[in-house]
Amino acid sequence: MYDIIKNMIVEITSGNTAWMGQRSRLALIGGIMINCDGAGTDMFCPLMFEVTHQDGSKRDLYEKIFGHFKENNPFLREALVMKKN
């Protein structure tokens, strides 16, 4: 489900940069909310952090911000294994 929504959002935002000024940036962060028992215990597992420039170029900031490769994220690793099978 995450991939479907991510692809839809990326498709919508990547084809429309006319609203952006020369110094504008569009930051997209995506992931999975993990609902846990107890008040205030829910967690967010980030799976994407990209910045798009007016010219359409993108910069992946995931590793810089979250400090590890996407492949080392246990949720993403599981999804990659499922995708291969």
N, C-alpha and C. Protein backbone atom coordinates (compact mmCIF):
# COMPACT_ATOMS: atom_id res chain seq x y z
N MET A 1 0.82 -1.18 0.00
CA MET A 1 0.00 0.00 0.00
C MET A 1 0.88 1.26 0.00
N TYR A 2 1.96 1.23 0.77
CA TYR A 2 2.86 2.38 0.82
C TYR A 2 3.38 2.73 -0.57
N ASP A 3 3.81 1.73 -1.33
CA ASP A 3 4.36 1.96 -2.67
C ASP A 3 3.33 2.59 -3.60
N ILE A 4 2.08 2.16 -3.50
CA ILE A 4 1.03 2.71 -4.36
C ILE A 4 0.85 4.19 -4.09
N ILE A 5 0.74 4.55 -2.81
CA ILE A 5 0.54 5.94 -2.43
C ILE A 5 1.77 6.78 -2.78
N LYS A 6 2.96 6.25 -2.50
CA LYS A 6 4.20 6.97 -2.82
C LYS A 6 4.28 7.27 -4.31
N ASN A 7 4.02 6.27 -5.14
CA ASN A 7 4.08 6.46 -6.58
C ASN A 7 3.08 7.51 -7.06
N MET A 8 1.89 7.50 -6.47
CA MET A 8 0.87 8.48 -6.84
C MET A 8 1.31 9.90 -6.48
N ILE A 9 1.82 10.09 -5.27
CA ILE A 9 2.28 11.41 -4.82
C ILE A 9 3.45 11.90 -5.66
N VAL A 10 4.40 11.03 -5.93
CA VAL A 10 5.57 11.41 -6.73
C VAL A 10 5.13 11.78 -8.15
N GLU A 11 4.21 11.03 -8.71
CA GLU A 11 3.71 11.34 -10.05
C GLU A 11 3.02 12.70 -10.09
N ILE A 12 2.21 13.00 -9.09
CA ILE A 12 1.50 14.27 -9.03
C ILE A 12 2.48 15.44 -8.88
N THR A 13 3.44 15.29 -8.00
CA THR A 13 4.33 16.41 -7.68
C THR A 13 5.46 16.59 -8.70
N SER A 14 5.91 15.53 -9.34
CA SER A 14 7.05 15.67 -10.25
C SER A 14 6.66 16.32 -11.57
N GLY A 15 5.42 16.24 -11.96
CA GLY A 15 5.02 16.81 -13.24
C GLY A 15 4.55 18.25 -13.14
N ASN A 16 4.57 18.82 -11.95
CA ASN A 16 4.01 20.16 -11.79
C ASN A 16 4.92 21.01 -10.92
N THR A 17 5.90 21.65 -11.55
CA THR A 17 6.81 22.54 -10.81
C THR A 17 6.65 23.99 -11.24
N ALA A 18 5.61 24.29 -12.04
CA ALA A 18 5.41 25.66 -12.52
C ALA A 18 5.15 26.64 -11.38
N TRP A 19 4.60 26.18 -10.28
CA TRP A 19 4.29 27.05 -9.14
C TRP A 19 5.55 27.45 -8.38
N MET A 20 6.64 26.74 -8.61
CA MET A 20 7.85 26.96 -7.84
C MET A 20 8.63 28.17 -8.35
N GLY A 21 9.19 28.93 -7.41
CA GLY A 21 10.13 29.99 -7.76
C GLY A 21 11.50 29.40 -7.96
N GLN A 22 12.46 30.24 -8.35
CA GLN A 22 13.81 29.76 -8.65
C GLN A 22 14.47 29.12 -7.44
N ARG A 23 14.19 29.61 -6.25
CA ARG A 23 14.82 29.06 -5.04
C ARG A 23 13.90 28.12 -4.27
N SER A 24 12.74 27.80 -4.83
CA SER A 24 11.78 26.92 -4.15
C SER A 24 12.27 25.48 -4.11
N ARG A 25 11.83 24.78 -3.09
CA ARG A 25 12.11 23.35 -2.94
C ARG A 25 10.84 22.68 -2.44
N LEU A 26 10.61 21.45 -2.86
CA LEU A 26 9.49 20.66 -2.37
C LEU A 26 10.09 19.46 -1.65
N ALA A 27 9.82 19.36 -0.36
CA ALA A 27 10.33 18.23 0.43
C ALA A 27 9.20 17.23 0.64
N LEU A 28 9.48 15.97 0.32
CA LEU A 28 8.53 14.89 0.55
C LEU A 28 9.14 13.89 1.52
N ILE A 29 8.41 13.64 2.58
CA ILE A 29 8.82 12.63 3.54
C ILE A 29 7.69 11.62 3.65
N GLY A 30 8.03 10.36 3.60
CA GLY A 30 7.00 9.32 3.65
C GLY A 30 7.46 8.16 4.48
N GLY A 31 6.51 7.43 4.96
CA GLY A 31 6.82 6.27 5.77
C GLY A 31 5.57 5.57 6.25
N ILE A 32 5.73 4.81 7.30
CA ILE A 32 4.64 4.01 7.86
C ILE A 32 4.44 4.39 9.31
N MET A 33 3.19 4.64 9.68
CA MET A 33 2.84 4.87 11.08
C MET A 33 2.65 3.52 11.75
N ILE A 34 3.26 3.35 12.90
CA ILE A 34 3.15 2.11 13.66
C ILE A 34 2.33 2.42 14.90
N ASN A 35 1.13 1.87 14.94
CA ASN A 35 0.23 2.09 16.07
C ASN A 35 0.56 1.12 17.19
N CYS A 36 0.84 1.67 18.36
CA CYS A 36 1.21 0.86 19.53
C CYS A 36 0.22 1.10 20.66
N ASP A 37 0.17 0.16 21.60
CA ASP A 37 -0.68 0.33 22.77
C ASP A 37 -0.13 1.44 23.66
N GLY A 38 -1.03 2.15 24.32
CA GLY A 38 -0.61 3.19 25.25
C GLY A 38 -0.61 4.57 24.61
N ALA A 39 -0.87 5.55 25.41
CA ALA A 39 -0.90 6.93 24.92
C ALA A 39 0.51 7.41 24.57
N GLY A 40 0.64 8.00 23.41
CA GLY A 40 1.92 8.59 23.01
C GLY A 40 3.00 7.59 22.63
N THR A 41 2.63 6.36 22.33
CA THR A 41 3.64 5.35 22.00
C THR A 41 3.72 5.03 20.52
N ASP A 42 2.84 5.64 19.72
CA ASP A 42 2.89 5.41 18.28
C ASP A 42 4.24 5.88 17.73
N MET A 43 4.68 5.23 16.66
CA MET A 43 5.98 5.56 16.07
C MET A 43 5.83 5.76 14.57
N PHE A 44 6.77 6.48 13.99
CA PHE A 44 6.83 6.71 12.56
C PHE A 44 8.10 6.07 12.03
N CYS A 45 7.96 5.22 11.04
CA CYS A 45 9.12 4.59 10.39
C CYS A 45 9.33 5.26 9.04
N PRO A 46 10.32 6.14 8.93
CA PRO A 46 10.54 6.85 7.66
C PRO A 46 11.10 5.91 6.58
N LEU A 47 10.60 6.07 5.37
CA LEU A 47 11.07 5.26 4.26
C LEU A 47 11.53 6.11 3.08
N MET A 48 11.26 7.42 3.15
CA MET A 48 11.62 8.31 2.04
C MET A 48 11.79 9.74 2.55
N PHE A 49 12.80 10.42 2.03
CA PHE A 49 12.95 11.86 2.25
C PHE A 49 13.66 12.42 1.03
N GLU A 50 12.91 13.08 0.17
CA GLU A 50 13.46 13.64 -1.07
C GLU A 50 13.12 15.12 -1.17
N VAL A 51 14.02 15.86 -1.78
CA VAL A 51 13.78 17.27 -2.07
C VAL A 51 13.84 17.46 -3.58
N THR A 52 12.80 18.09 -4.12
CA THR A 52 12.71 18.36 -5.55
C THR A 52 12.94 19.83 -5.82
N HIS A 53 13.74 20.13 -6.84
CA HIS A 53 14.02 21.50 -7.25
C HIS A 53 13.13 21.87 -8.44
N GLN A 54 13.08 23.14 -8.77
CA GLN A 54 12.22 23.63 -9.84
C GLN A 54 12.53 22.96 -11.17
N ASP A 55 13.79 22.67 -11.43
CA ASP A 55 14.16 22.04 -12.70
C ASP A 55 13.82 20.55 -12.76
N GLY A 56 13.22 20.02 -11.69
CA GLY A 56 12.82 18.62 -11.66
C GLY A 56 13.85 17.69 -11.05
N SER A 57 15.05 18.20 -10.79
CA SER A 57 16.07 17.35 -10.17
C SER A 57 15.68 17.05 -8.72
N LYS A 58 16.10 15.88 -8.27
CA LYS A 58 15.75 15.45 -6.91
C LYS A 58 17.01 15.12 -6.13
N ARG A 59 16.92 15.31 -4.84
CA ARG A 59 18.02 14.96 -3.95
C ARG A 59 17.47 14.06 -2.86
N ASP A 60 18.04 12.88 -2.72
CA ASP A 60 17.62 11.92 -1.69
C ASP A 60 18.38 12.23 -0.41
N LEU A 61 17.66 12.67 0.62
CA LEU A 61 18.28 13.04 1.89
C LEU A 61 18.08 12.00 2.99
N TYR A 62 17.55 10.84 2.63
CA TYR A 62 17.21 9.82 3.62
C TYR A 62 18.41 9.47 4.52
N GLU A 63 19.51 9.09 3.91
CA GLU A 63 20.67 8.65 4.69
C GLU A 63 21.24 9.80 5.52
N LYS A 64 21.30 10.99 4.95
CA LYS A 64 21.85 12.14 5.68
C LYS A 64 21.02 12.46 6.92
N ILE A 65 19.70 12.40 6.80
CA ILE A 65 18.82 12.77 7.90
C ILE A 65 18.66 11.63 8.91
N PHE A 66 18.46 10.41 8.42
CA PHE A 66 18.14 9.29 9.32
C PHE A 66 19.35 8.44 9.68
N GLY A 67 20.49 8.68 9.03
CA GLY A 67 21.75 8.08 9.45
C GLY A 67 21.97 6.63 9.10
N HIS A 68 21.19 6.06 8.23
CA HIS A 68 21.46 4.69 7.81
C HIS A 68 20.90 4.48 6.41
N PHE A 69 21.41 3.47 5.75
CA PHE A 69 20.93 3.15 4.42
C PHE A 69 19.50 2.63 4.51
N LYS A 70 18.72 2.90 3.48
CA LYS A 70 17.34 2.42 3.45
C LYS A 70 17.30 0.90 3.59
N GLU A 71 18.26 0.22 3.00
CA GLU A 71 18.27 -1.23 3.02
C GLU A 71 18.46 -1.78 4.44
N ASN A 72 18.98 -0.97 5.37
CA ASN A 72 19.16 -1.41 6.75
C ASN A 72 17.93 -1.16 7.61
N ASN A 73 16.93 -0.49 7.05
CA ASN A 73 15.68 -0.27 7.77
C ASN A 73 14.93 -1.60 7.79
N PRO A 74 14.61 -2.14 8.98
CA PRO A 74 13.99 -3.47 9.04
C PRO A 74 12.66 -3.56 8.29
N PHE A 75 11.88 -2.50 8.28
CA PHE A 75 10.61 -2.53 7.58
C PHE A 75 10.82 -2.56 6.08
N LEU A 76 11.75 -1.77 5.60
CA LEU A 76 12.03 -1.73 4.18
C LEU A 76 12.70 -3.02 3.72
N ARG A 77 13.58 -3.57 4.53
CA ARG A 77 14.26 -4.82 4.19
C ARG A 77 13.22 -5.93 3.99
N GLU A 78 12.24 -5.99 4.89
CA GLU A 78 11.18 -6.98 4.77
C GLU A 78 10.37 -6.78 3.49
N ALA A 79 10.08 -5.52 3.15
CA ALA A 79 9.34 -5.22 1.93
C ALA A 79 10.13 -5.61 0.69
N LEU A 80 11.44 -5.39 0.71
CA LEU A 80 12.27 -5.76 -0.43
C LEU A 80 12.29 -7.27 -0.63
N VAL A 81 12.34 -8.03 0.47
CA VAL A 81 12.32 -9.49 0.39
C VAL A 81 10.99 -9.96 -0.19
N MET A 82 9.89 -9.35 0.28
CA MET A 82 8.57 -9.73 -0.22
C MET A 82 8.42 -9.38 -1.70
N LYS A 83 9.00 -8.28 -2.13
CA LYS A 83 8.89 -7.83 -3.52
C LYS A 83 9.63 -8.79 -4.46
N LYS A 84 10.75 -9.36 -4.00
CA LYS A 84 11.55 -10.26 -4.83
C LYS A 84 10.85 -11.59 -5.04
N ASN A 85 10.03 -12.01 -4.10
CA ASN A 85 9.37 -13.34 -4.19
C ASN A 85 8.11 -13.30 -4.98
